[in-house]
Amino acid sequence: YDITRLAGPYNTDSTQLWTGGVLGGLL
């Protein structure tokens, strides 16, 4: 499933790693 935001593509590059996780059942 593509869950990219509706506002358009993200602006990251290969030097900016994604971070995150799950809090209260929400990604």
PDB file of all heavy atoms in Angstrom:
ATOM      1  N   TYR A   1       0.850  -1.195   0.000  1.00  0.00           N
ATOM      2  CA  TYR A   1       0.000   0.000   0.000  1.00  0.00           C
ATOM      3  C   TYR A   1       0.884   1.243   0.000  1.00  0.00           C
ATOM      4  O   TYR A   1       1.838   1.328   0.773  1.00  0.00           O
ATOM      5  CB  TYR A   1      -0.896   0.038   1.244  1.00  0.00           C
ATOM      6  CG  TYR A   1      -1.826  -1.130   1.369  1.00  0.00           C
ATOM      7  CD1 TYR A   1      -1.479  -2.236   2.151  1.00  0.00           C
ATOM      8  CD2 TYR A   1      -3.050  -1.142   0.723  1.00  0.00           C
ATOM      9  CE1 TYR A   1      -2.333  -3.316   2.288  1.00  0.00           C
ATOM     10  CE2 TYR A   1      -3.916  -2.218   0.853  1.00  0.00           C
ATOM     11  CZ  TYR A   1      -3.548  -3.295   1.633  1.00  0.00           C
ATOM     12  OH  TYR A   1      -4.395  -4.352   1.763  1.00  0.00           O
ATOM     13  N   ASP A   2       0.566   2.211  -0.826  1.00  0.00           N
ATOM     14  CA  ASP A   2       1.253   3.493  -0.820  1.00  0.00           C
ATOM     15  C   ASP A   2       0.591   4.352   0.249  1.00  0.00           C
ATOM     16  O   ASP A   2      -0.583   4.720   0.131  1.00  0.00           O
ATOM     17  CB  ASP A   2       1.142   4.162  -2.188  1.00  0.00           C
ATOM     18  CG  ASP A   2       1.924   5.463  -2.274  1.00  0.00           C
ATOM     19  OD1 ASP A   2       2.500   5.905  -1.254  1.00  0.00           O
ATOM     20  OD2 ASP A   2       1.964   6.042  -3.374  1.00  0.00           O
ATOM     21  N   ILE A   3       1.326   4.674   1.309  1.00  0.00           N
ATOM     22  CA  ILE A   3       0.757   5.485   2.392  1.00  0.00           C
ATOM     23  C   ILE A   3       1.414   6.865   2.440  1.00  0.00           C
ATOM     24  O   ILE A   3       1.352   7.556   3.450  1.00  0.00           O
ATOM     25  CB  ILE A   3       0.849   4.774   3.758  1.00  0.00           C
ATOM     26  CG1 ILE A   3       2.303   4.523   4.167  1.00  0.00           C
ATOM     27  CG2 ILE A   3       0.049   3.493   3.755  1.00  0.00           C
ATOM     28  CD1 ILE A   3       2.460   4.105   5.619  1.00  0.00           C
ATOM     29  N   THR A   4       2.034   7.269   1.323  1.00  0.00           N
ATOM     30  CA  THR A   4       2.631   8.601   1.222  1.00  0.00           C
ATOM     31  C   THR A   4       1.556   9.648   1.477  1.00  0.00           C
ATOM     32  O   THR A   4       0.411   9.485   1.049  1.00  0.00           O
ATOM     33  CB  THR A   4       3.235   8.803  -0.173  1.00  0.00           C
ATOM     34  OG1 THR A   4       4.161   7.753  -0.412  1.00  0.00           O
ATOM     35  CG2 THR A   4       3.931  10.141  -0.293  1.00  0.00           C
ATOM     36  N   ARG A   5       1.916  10.707   2.147  1.00  0.00           N
ATOM     37  CA  ARG A   5       0.957  11.772   2.453  1.00  0.00           C
ATOM     38  C   ARG A   5       0.276  12.274   1.183  1.00  0.00           C
ATOM     39  O   ARG A   5       0.840  12.218   0.081  1.00  0.00           O
ATOM     40  CB  ARG A   5       1.663  12.922   3.151  1.00  0.00           C
ATOM     41  CG  ARG A   5       2.703  13.572   2.277  1.00  0.00           C
ATOM     42  CD  ARG A   5       3.475  14.626   3.004  1.00  0.00           C
ATOM     43  NE  ARG A   5       4.534  15.141   2.132  1.00  0.00           N
ATOM     44  CZ  ARG A   5       5.453  15.962   2.536  1.00  0.00           C
ATOM     45  NH1 ARG A   5       5.469  16.385   3.776  1.00  0.00           N
ATOM     46  NH2 ARG A   5       6.375  16.384   1.682  1.00  0.00           N
ATOM     47  N   LEU A   6      -0.922  12.783   1.319  1.00  0.00           N
ATOM     48  CA  LEU A   6      -1.663  13.300   0.168  1.00  0.00           C
ATOM     49  C   LEU A   6      -1.071  14.596  -0.370  1.00  0.00           C
ATOM     50  O   LEU A   6      -1.291  14.948  -1.519  1.00  0.00           O
ATOM     51  CB  LEU A   6      -3.128  13.509   0.543  1.00  0.00           C
ATOM     52  CG  LEU A   6      -3.932  12.220   0.777  1.00  0.00           C
ATOM     53  CD1 LEU A   6      -5.318  12.544   1.293  1.00  0.00           C
ATOM     54  CD2 LEU A   6      -3.994  11.396  -0.492  1.00  0.00           C
ATOM     55  N   ALA A   7      -0.307  15.313   0.460  1.00  0.00           N
ATOM     56  CA  ALA A   7       0.263  16.592   0.049  1.00  0.00           C
ATOM     57  C   ALA A   7       1.391  16.431  -0.974  1.00  0.00           C
ATOM     58  O   ALA A   7       1.876  17.420  -1.498  1.00  0.00           O
ATOM     59  CB  ALA A   7       0.785  17.346   1.269  1.00  0.00           C
ATOM     60  N   GLY A   8       1.807  15.217  -1.262  1.00  0.00           N
ATOM     61  CA  GLY A   8       2.848  15.006  -2.270  1.00  0.00           C
ATOM     62  C   GLY A   8       4.048  14.250  -1.733  1.00  0.00           C
ATOM     63  O   GLY A   8       4.078  13.851  -0.573  1.00  0.00           O
ATOM     64  N   PRO A   9       5.049  14.063  -2.587  1.00  0.00           N
ATOM     65  CA  PRO A   9       6.212  13.266  -2.193  1.00  0.00           C
ATOM     66  C   PRO A   9       7.044  13.950  -1.109  1.00  0.00           C
ATOM     67  O   PRO A   9       6.958  15.160  -0.902  1.00  0.00           O
ATOM     68  CB  PRO A   9       7.010  13.130  -3.487  1.00  0.00           C
ATOM     69  CG  PRO A   9       6.562  14.246  -4.348  1.00  0.00           C
ATOM     70  CD  PRO A   9       5.153  14.552  -3.952  1.00  0.00           C
ATOM     71  N   TYR A  10       7.876  13.138  -0.444  1.00  0.00           N
ATOM     72  CA  TYR A  10       8.760  13.652   0.594  1.00  0.00           C
ATOM     73  C   TYR A  10      10.029  14.213  -0.036  1.00  0.00           C
ATOM     74  O   TYR A  10      10.350  13.922  -1.180  1.00  0.00           O
ATOM     75  CB  TYR A  10       9.081  12.543   1.602  1.00  0.00           C
ATOM     76  CG  TYR A  10       7.846  12.066   2.306  1.00  0.00           C
ATOM     77  CD1 TYR A  10       7.268  10.846   1.984  1.00  0.00           C
ATOM     78  CD2 TYR A  10       7.224  12.843   3.277  1.00  0.00           C
ATOM     79  CE1 TYR A  10       6.117  10.407   2.612  1.00  0.00           C
ATOM     80  CE2 TYR A  10       6.074  12.414   3.914  1.00  0.00           C
ATOM     81  CZ  TYR A  10       5.520  11.195   3.578  1.00  0.00           C
ATOM     82  OH  TYR A  10       4.380  10.776   4.194  1.00  0.00           O
ATOM     83  N   ASN A  11      10.756  15.014   0.729  1.00  0.00           N
ATOM     84  CA  ASN A  11      11.916  15.728   0.215  1.00  0.00           C
ATOM     85  C   ASN A  11      13.238  15.208   0.760  1.00  0.00           C
ATOM     86  O   ASN A  11      14.222  15.927   0.756  1.00  0.00           O
ATOM     87  CB  ASN A  11      11.804  17.221   0.556  1.00  0.00           C
ATOM     88  CG  ASN A  11      10.557  17.823  -0.029  1.00  0.00           C
ATOM     89  OD1 ASN A  11      10.302  17.676  -1.212  1.00  0.00           O
ATOM     90  ND2 ASN A  11       9.760  18.478   0.792  1.00  0.00           N
ATOM     91  N   THR A  12      13.287  14.007   1.242  1.00  0.00           N
ATOM     92  CA  THR A  12      14.499  13.505   1.869  1.00  0.00           C
ATOM     93  C   THR A  12      15.523  13.047   0.829  1.00  0.00           C
ATOM     94  O   THR A  12      15.231  12.995  -0.360  1.00  0.00           O
ATOM     95  CB  THR A  12      14.162  12.364   2.847  1.00  0.00           C
ATOM     96  OG1 THR A  12      15.312  12.085   3.637  1.00  0.00           O
ATOM     97  CG2 THR A  12      13.742  11.120   2.122  1.00  0.00           C
ATOM     98  N   ASP A  13      16.716  12.752   1.287  1.00  0.00           N
ATOM     99  CA  ASP A  13      17.753  12.202   0.415  1.00  0.00           C
ATOM    100  C   ASP A  13      18.449  11.056   1.148  1.00  0.00           C
ATOM    101  O   ASP A  13      18.115  10.747   2.284  1.00  0.00           O
ATOM    102  CB  ASP A  13      18.737  13.281  -0.036  1.00  0.00           C
ATOM    103  CG  ASP A  13      19.471  13.944   1.112  1.00  0.00           C
ATOM    104  OD1 ASP A  13      19.767  13.266   2.119  1.00  0.00           O
ATOM    105  OD2 ASP A  13      19.749  15.144   1.023  1.00  0.00           O
ATOM    106  N   SER A  14      19.421  10.458   0.500  1.00  0.00           N
ATOM    107  CA  SER A  14      20.038   9.258   1.067  1.00  0.00           C
ATOM    108  C   SER A  14      20.898   9.538   2.291  1.00  0.00           C
ATOM    109  O   SER A  14      21.311   8.615   2.971  1.00  0.00           O
ATOM    110  CB  SER A  14      20.869   8.546   0.001  1.00  0.00           C
ATOM    111  OG  SER A  14      21.880   9.403  -0.475  1.00  0.00           O
ATOM    112  N   THR A  15      21.155  10.807   2.618  1.00  0.00           N
ATOM    113  CA  THR A  15      21.925  11.120   3.826  1.00  0.00           C
ATOM    114  C   THR A  15      21.021  11.356   5.031  1.00  0.00           C
ATOM    115  O   THR A  15      21.500  11.375   6.155  1.00  0.00           O
ATOM    116  CB  THR A  15      22.804  12.366   3.618  1.00  0.00           C
ATOM    117  OG1 THR A  15      21.959  13.497   3.363  1.00  0.00           O
ATOM    118  CG2 THR A  15      23.762  12.160   2.462  1.00  0.00           C
ATOM    119  N   GLN A  16      19.738  11.564   4.800  1.00  0.00           N
ATOM    120  CA  GLN A  16      18.775  11.780   5.882  1.00  0.00           C
ATOM    121  C   GLN A  16      17.991  10.487   6.089  1.00  0.00           C
ATOM    122  O   GLN A  16      17.071  10.205   5.339  1.00  0.00           O
ATOM    123  CB  GLN A  16      17.806  12.909   5.531  1.00  0.00           C
ATOM    124  CG  GLN A  16      18.433  14.261   5.429  1.00  0.00           C
ATOM    125  CD  GLN A  16      18.812  14.797   6.783  1.00  0.00           C
ATOM    126  OE1 GLN A  16      19.982  14.852   7.113  1.00  0.00           O
ATOM    127  NE2 GLN A  16      17.842  15.174   7.578  1.00  0.00           N
ATOM    128  N   LEU A  17      18.347   9.726   7.085  1.00  0.00           N
ATOM    129  CA  LEU A  17      17.656   8.468   7.331  1.00  0.00           C
ATOM    130  C   LEU A  17      16.320   8.723   8.023  1.00  0.00           C
ATOM    131  O   LEU A  17      16.182   9.636   8.835  1.00  0.00           O
ATOM    132  CB  LEU A  17      18.517   7.551   8.188  1.00  0.00           C
ATOM    133  CG  LEU A  17      19.825   7.112   7.546  1.00  0.00           C
ATOM    134  CD1 LEU A  17      20.606   6.247   8.518  1.00  0.00           C
ATOM    135  CD2 LEU A  17      19.568   6.355   6.262  1.00  0.00           C
ATOM    136  N   TRP A  18      15.350   7.882   7.706  1.00  0.00           N
ATOM    137  CA  TRP A  18      14.056   7.944   8.368  1.00  0.00           C
ATOM    138  C   TRP A  18      14.196   7.370   9.773  1.00  0.00           C
ATOM    139  O   TRP A  18      14.875   6.380   9.988  1.00  0.00           O
ATOM    140  CB  TRP A  18      13.031   7.125   7.605  1.00  0.00           C
ATOM    141  CG  TRP A  18      12.582   7.722   6.317  1.00  0.00           C
ATOM    142  CD1 TRP A  18      13.188   7.611   5.103  1.00  0.00           C
ATOM    143  CD2 TRP A  18      11.410   8.510   6.106  1.00  0.00           C
ATOM    144  NE1 TRP A  18      12.473   8.283   4.150  1.00  0.00           N
ATOM    145  CE2 TRP A  18      11.374   8.841   4.743  1.00  0.00           C
ATOM    146  CE3 TRP A  18      10.393   8.956   6.933  1.00  0.00           C
ATOM    147  CZ2 TRP A  18      10.353   9.602   4.189  1.00  0.00           C
ATOM    148  CZ3 TRP A  18       9.379   9.723   6.393  1.00  0.00           C
ATOM    149  CH2 TRP A  18       9.364  10.032   5.037  1.00  0.00           C
ATOM    150  N   THR A  19      13.547   8.001  10.733  1.00  0.00           N
ATOM    151  CA  THR A  19      13.450   7.465  12.087  1.00  0.00           C
ATOM    152  C   THR A  19      11.972   7.373  12.422  1.00  0.00           C
ATOM    153  O   THR A  19      11.136   7.960  11.740  1.00  0.00           O
ATOM    154  CB  THR A  19      14.168   8.361  13.117  1.00  0.00           C
ATOM    155  OG1 THR A  19      13.569   9.669  13.110  1.00  0.00           O
ATOM    156  CG2 THR A  19      15.653   8.465  12.816  1.00  0.00           C
ATOM    157  N   GLY A  20      11.649   6.674  13.455  1.00  0.00           N
ATOM    158  CA  GLY A  20      10.250   6.556  13.842  1.00  0.00           C
ATOM    159  C   GLY A  20      10.007   5.333  14.672  1.00  0.00           C
ATOM    160  O   GLY A  20      10.915   4.771  15.274  1.00  0.00           O
ATOM    161  N   GLY A  21       8.765   4.918  14.698  1.00  0.00           N
ATOM    162  CA  GLY A  21       8.368   3.771  15.502  1.00  0.00           C
ATOM    163  C   GLY A  21       6.863   3.760  15.673  1.00  0.00           C
ATOM    164  O   GLY A  21       6.116   4.293  14.859  1.00  0.00           O
ATOM    165  N   VAL A  22       6.441   3.190  16.784  1.00  0.00           N
ATOM    166  CA  VAL A  22       5.021   3.074  17.100  1.00  0.00           C
ATOM    167  C   VAL A  22       4.804   3.618  18.504  1.00  0.00           C
ATOM    168  O   VAL A  22       5.532   3.276  19.430  1.00  0.00           O
ATOM    169  CB  VAL A  22       4.557   1.605  17.006  1.00  0.00           C
ATOM    170  CG1 VAL A  22       3.095   1.476  17.396  1.00  0.00           C
ATOM    171  CG2 VAL A  22       4.791   1.063  15.604  1.00  0.00           C
ATOM    172  N   LEU A  23       3.819   4.472  18.659  1.00  0.00           N
ATOM    173  CA  LEU A  23       3.441   5.012  19.961  1.00  0.00           C
ATOM    174  C   LEU A  23       1.930   4.906  20.089  1.00  0.00           C
ATOM    175  O   LEU A  23       1.203   5.439  19.252  1.00  0.00           O
ATOM    176  CB  LEU A  23       3.885   6.467  20.119  1.00  0.00           C
ATOM    177  CG  LEU A  23       3.496   7.123  21.437  1.00  0.00           C
ATOM    178  CD1 LEU A  23       4.246   6.474  22.596  1.00  0.00           C
ATOM    179  CD2 LEU A  23       3.768   8.613  21.409  1.00  0.00           C
ATOM    180  N   GLY A  24       1.476   4.221  21.098  1.00  0.00           N
ATOM    181  CA  GLY A  24       0.040   4.073  21.320  1.00  0.00           C
ATOM    182  C   GLY A  24      -0.656   3.378  20.168  1.00  0.00           C
ATOM    183  O   GLY A  24      -1.799   3.669  19.878  1.00  0.00           O
ATOM    184  N   GLY A  25       0.056   2.498  19.471  1.00  0.00           N
ATOM    185  CA  GLY A  25      -0.523   1.771  18.359  1.00  0.00           C
ATOM    186  C   GLY A  25      -0.513   2.524  17.049  1.00  0.00           C
ATOM    187  O   GLY A  25      -1.003   2.025  16.042  1.00  0.00           O
ATOM    188  N   LEU A  26       0.051   3.738  17.029  1.00  0.00           N
ATOM    189  CA  LEU A  26       0.092   4.549  15.813  1.00  0.00           C
ATOM    190  C   LEU A  26       1.524   4.648  15.293  1.00  0.00           C
ATOM    191  O   LEU A  26       2.447   4.957  16.040  1.00  0.00           O
ATOM    192  CB  LEU A  26      -0.456   5.951  16.079  1.00  0.00           C
ATOM    193  CG  LEU A  26      -1.894   6.033  16.583  1.00  0.00           C
ATOM    194  CD1 LEU A  26      -2.281   7.474  16.883  1.00  0.00           C
ATOM    195  CD2 LEU A  26      -2.848   5.403  15.598  1.00  0.00           C
ATOM    196  N   LEU A  27       1.680   4.409  14.006  1.00  0.00           N
ATOM    197  CA  LEU A  27       2.983   4.501  13.350  1.00  0.00           C
ATOM    198  C   LEU A  27       3.337   5.964  13.137  1.00  0.00           C
ATOM    199  O   LEU A  27       2.529   6.742  12.646  1.00  0.00           O
ATOM    200  CB  LEU A  27       2.913   3.780  11.998  1.00  0.00           C
ATOM    201  CG  LEU A  27       4.139   3.882  11.101  1.00  0.00           C
ATOM    202  CD1 LEU A  27       5.294   3.081  11.676  1.00  0.00           C
ATOM    203  CD2 LEU A  27       3.794   3.389   9.697  1.00  0.00           C
TER     204      LEU A  27
END
